[in-house]
Structures are given as C-alpha cells and as structure tokens.
C-alpha atoms as a PDB file:
ATOM      1  CA  UNK A   1     120.033 103.593  99.136  1.00  0.00           C
ATOM      2  CA  UNK A   2     122.629 104.511 101.712  1.00  0.00           C
ATOM      3  CA  UNK A   3     123.256 103.075 105.158  1.00  0.00           C
ATOM      4  CA  UNK A   4     124.329 104.899 108.298  1.00  0.00           C
ATOM      5  CA  UNK A   5     127.658 106.750 108.102  1.00  0.00           C
ATOM      6  CA  UNK A   6     128.083 106.175 104.341  1.00  0.00           C
ATOM      7  CA  UNK A   7     129.490 109.210 102.572  1.00  0.00           C
ATOM      8  CA  UNK A   8     127.226 110.152  99.687  1.00  0.00           C
ATOM      9  CA  UNK A   9     129.334 113.123  98.547  1.00  0.00           C
ATOM     10  CA  UNK A  10     132.825 114.064  99.753  1.00  0.00           C
ATOM     11  CA  UNK A  11     134.089 117.637  99.801  1.00  0.00           C
ATOM     12  CA  UNK A  12     136.902 118.328  97.330  1.00  0.00           C
ATOM     13  CA  UNK A  13     136.204 115.313  95.120  1.00  0.00           C
ATOM     14  CA  UNK A  14     134.719 115.568  91.647  1.00  0.00           C
ATOM     15  CA  UNK A  15     130.959 115.839  91.885  1.00  0.00           C
ATOM     16  CA  UNK A  16     129.596 112.926  89.915  1.00  0.00           C
ATOM     17  CA  UNK A  17     126.004 113.038  91.180  1.00  0.00           C
ATOM     18  CA  UNK A  18     123.309 115.197  92.698  1.00  0.00           C
ATOM     19  CA  UNK A  19     120.906 113.497  95.110  1.00  0.00           C
ATOM     20  CA  UNK A  20     117.289 114.233  95.968  1.00  0.00           C
ATOM     21  CA  UNK A  21     116.550 112.825  99.413  1.00  0.00           C
ATOM     22  CA  UNK A  22     113.365 110.746  99.370  1.00  0.00           C
ATOM     23  CA  UNK A  23     113.482 109.347 102.916  1.00  0.00           C
ATOM     24  CA  UNK A  24     115.796 109.750 105.877  1.00  0.00           C
ATOM     25  CA  UNK A  25     118.341 112.403 106.833  1.00  0.00           C
ATOM     26  CA  UNK A  26     121.872 113.347 105.857  1.00  0.00           C
ATOM     27  CA  UNK A  27     124.496 115.283 107.752  1.00  0.00           C
ATOM     28  CA  UNK A  28     126.290 118.144 106.033  1.00  0.00           C
ATOM     29  CA  UNK A  29     129.770 118.193 107.503  1.00  0.00           C
ATOM     30  CA  UNK A  30     131.672 121.429 108.111  1.00  0.00           C
ATOM     31  CA  UNK A  31     128.440 123.435 108.403  1.00  0.00           C
ATOM     32  CA  UNK A  32     126.948 125.298 111.344  1.00  0.00           C
ATOM     33  CA  UNK A  33     124.667 123.207 113.546  1.00  0.00           C
ATOM     34  CA  UNK A  34     121.605 125.183 112.341  1.00  0.00           C
ATOM     35  CA  UNK A  35     122.119 124.001 108.751  1.00  0.00           C
ATOM     36  CA  UNK A  36     123.856 120.668 109.249  1.00  0.00           C
ATOM     37  CA  UNK A  37     120.948 118.326 108.361  1.00  0.00           C
ATOM     38  CA  UNK A  38     118.819 117.816 105.297  1.00  0.00           C
ATOM     39  CA  UNK A  39     115.891 115.484 104.857  1.00  0.00           C
ATOM     40  CA  UNK A  40     113.176 114.354 102.481  1.00  0.00           C
ATOM     41  CA  UNK A  41     112.523 116.795  99.656  1.00  0.00           C
ATOM     42  CA  UNK A  42     115.954 118.448  99.818  1.00  0.00           C
ATOM     43  CA  UNK A  43     118.948 118.327  97.448  1.00  0.00           C
ATOM     44  CA  UNK A  44     122.663 117.700  97.882  1.00  0.00           C
ATOM     45  CA  UNK A  45     125.228 118.351  95.152  1.00  0.00           C
ATOM     46  CA  UNK A  46     123.073 120.902  93.347  1.00  0.00           C
ATOM     47  CA  UNK A  47     126.253 122.540  91.977  1.00  0.00           C
ATOM     48  CA  UNK A  48     126.098 119.837  89.312  1.00  0.00           C
ATOM     49  CA  UNK A  49     123.151 121.663  87.708  1.00  0.00           C
ATOM     50  CA  UNK A  50     125.408 124.634  86.832  1.00  0.00           C
ATOM     51  CA  UNK A  51     128.045 122.404  85.249  1.00  0.00           C
ATOM     52  CA  UNK A  52     126.645 122.477  81.643  1.00  0.00           C
ATOM     53  CA  UNK A  53     127.006 126.278  81.683  1.00  0.00           C
ATOM     54  CA  UNK A  54     130.694 126.251  82.672  1.00  0.00           C
ATOM     55  CA  UNK A  55     133.546 126.824  80.226  1.00  0.00           C
ATOM     56  CA  UNK A  56     135.151 123.510  81.174  1.00  0.00           C
ATOM     57  CA  UNK A  57     132.005 121.451  80.437  1.00  0.00           C
ATOM     58  CA  UNK A  58     132.075 118.475  79.754  1.00  0.00           C
ATOM     59  CA  UNK A  59     135.772 117.825  80.371  1.00  0.00           C
ATOM     60  CA  UNK A  60     136.051 118.618  84.068  1.00  0.00           C
ATOM     61  CA  UNK A  61     133.359 117.956  86.657  1.00  0.00           C
ATOM     62  CA  UNK A  62     132.907 120.517  89.438  1.00  0.00           C
ATOM     63  CA  UNK A  63     134.326 119.807  92.885  1.00  0.00           C
ATOM     64  CA  UNK A  64     131.962 119.095  95.773  1.00  0.00           C
ATOM     65  CA  UNK A  65     131.781 122.008  98.205  1.00  0.00           C
ATOM     66  CA  UNK A  66     130.553 119.941 101.166  1.00  0.00           C
ATOM     67  CA  UNK A  67     130.627 116.409 102.541  1.00  0.00           C
ATOM     68  CA  UNK A  68     127.283 114.644 102.862  1.00  0.00           C
ATOM     69  CA  UNK A  69     126.907 111.587 105.112  1.00  0.00           C
ATOM     70  CA  UNK A  70     123.878 109.346 105.726  1.00  0.00           C
ATOM     71  CA  UNK A  71     122.285 109.496 109.177  1.00  0.00           C
ATOM     72  CA  UNK A  72     120.659 106.095 109.471  1.00  0.00           C
ATOM     73  CA  UNK A  73     119.033 104.608 106.377  1.00  0.00           C
ATOM     74  CA  UNK A  74     118.593 107.074 103.494  1.00  0.00           C
ATOM     75  CA  UNK A  75     116.708 106.640 100.221  1.00  0.00           C
ATOM     76  CA  UNK A  76     117.624 109.069  97.465  1.00  0.00           C
ATOM     77  CA  UNK A  77     117.192 109.622  93.747  1.00  0.00           C
ATOM     78  CA  UNK A  78     120.375 110.498  91.896  1.00  0.00           C
ATOM     79  CA  UNK A  79     121.106 112.564  88.822  1.00  0.00           C
ATOM     80  CA  UNK A  80     124.462 111.292  87.606  1.00  0.00           C
ATOM     81  CA  UNK A  81     126.919 113.571  85.837  1.00  0.00           C
ATOM     82  CA  UNK A  82     127.037 111.185  82.882  1.00  0.00           C
ATOM     83  CA  UNK A  83     123.251 111.432  82.492  1.00  0.00           C
ATOM     84  CA  UNK A  84     123.353 115.216  82.656  1.00  0.00           C
ATOM     85  CA  UNK A  85     126.198 115.297  80.135  1.00  0.00           C
ATOM     86  CA  UNK A  86     124.290 113.189  77.601  1.00  0.00           C
ATOM     87  CA  UNK A  87     121.157 115.339  77.933  1.00  0.00           C
ATOM     88  CA  UNK A  88     123.119 118.594  77.617  1.00  0.00           C
ATOM     89  CA  UNK A  89     125.126 117.550  74.568  1.00  0.00           C
END
C-alpha cells in the first residue's frame, strides 16, 4: 500500500521491485502527459523481468528508467528482486 505522493520507484536507483497496480493510480514522472498515468491492471518496473537474462545477473540489479509516484491511495502487488533471484537460481 502506498499513500499520496510516495515514490514507489525512483529513476536511476537500483530496481528492487516490480509492481502490479491493483487499485488507484500512479504518476510516471518525466513522461509525456498522454502516458503519464497508470492504473489498475498495469505494471511499473517491468524491466526487472529481463534481469535474469542479463550477463550481470544476479550481482547487479538494473536501474529504474522512470520515477513512479502514488496519486492518492494505491494498492499494489510487488515482485521483489530477491524473490525473482531465488526462483531464477
């Protein structure tokens, strides 16, 4: 669960989770206004899914390519990098 204005993912930081938005909306910062919101049923941080196929797996997590911030109250399911790493090993 995230409250208004909480950063869920920050651009340039190591991506340690992917979130599936269950309820509410998030703002994608540094995007055009046409594609700056995501809501229920959409993903953020999906770059994490490619991580097990990278040469640097599992030593270096990928960097987030966008900042994601909660707009109001947001419920989300998370796939943590540590979970993905244990399944892929």
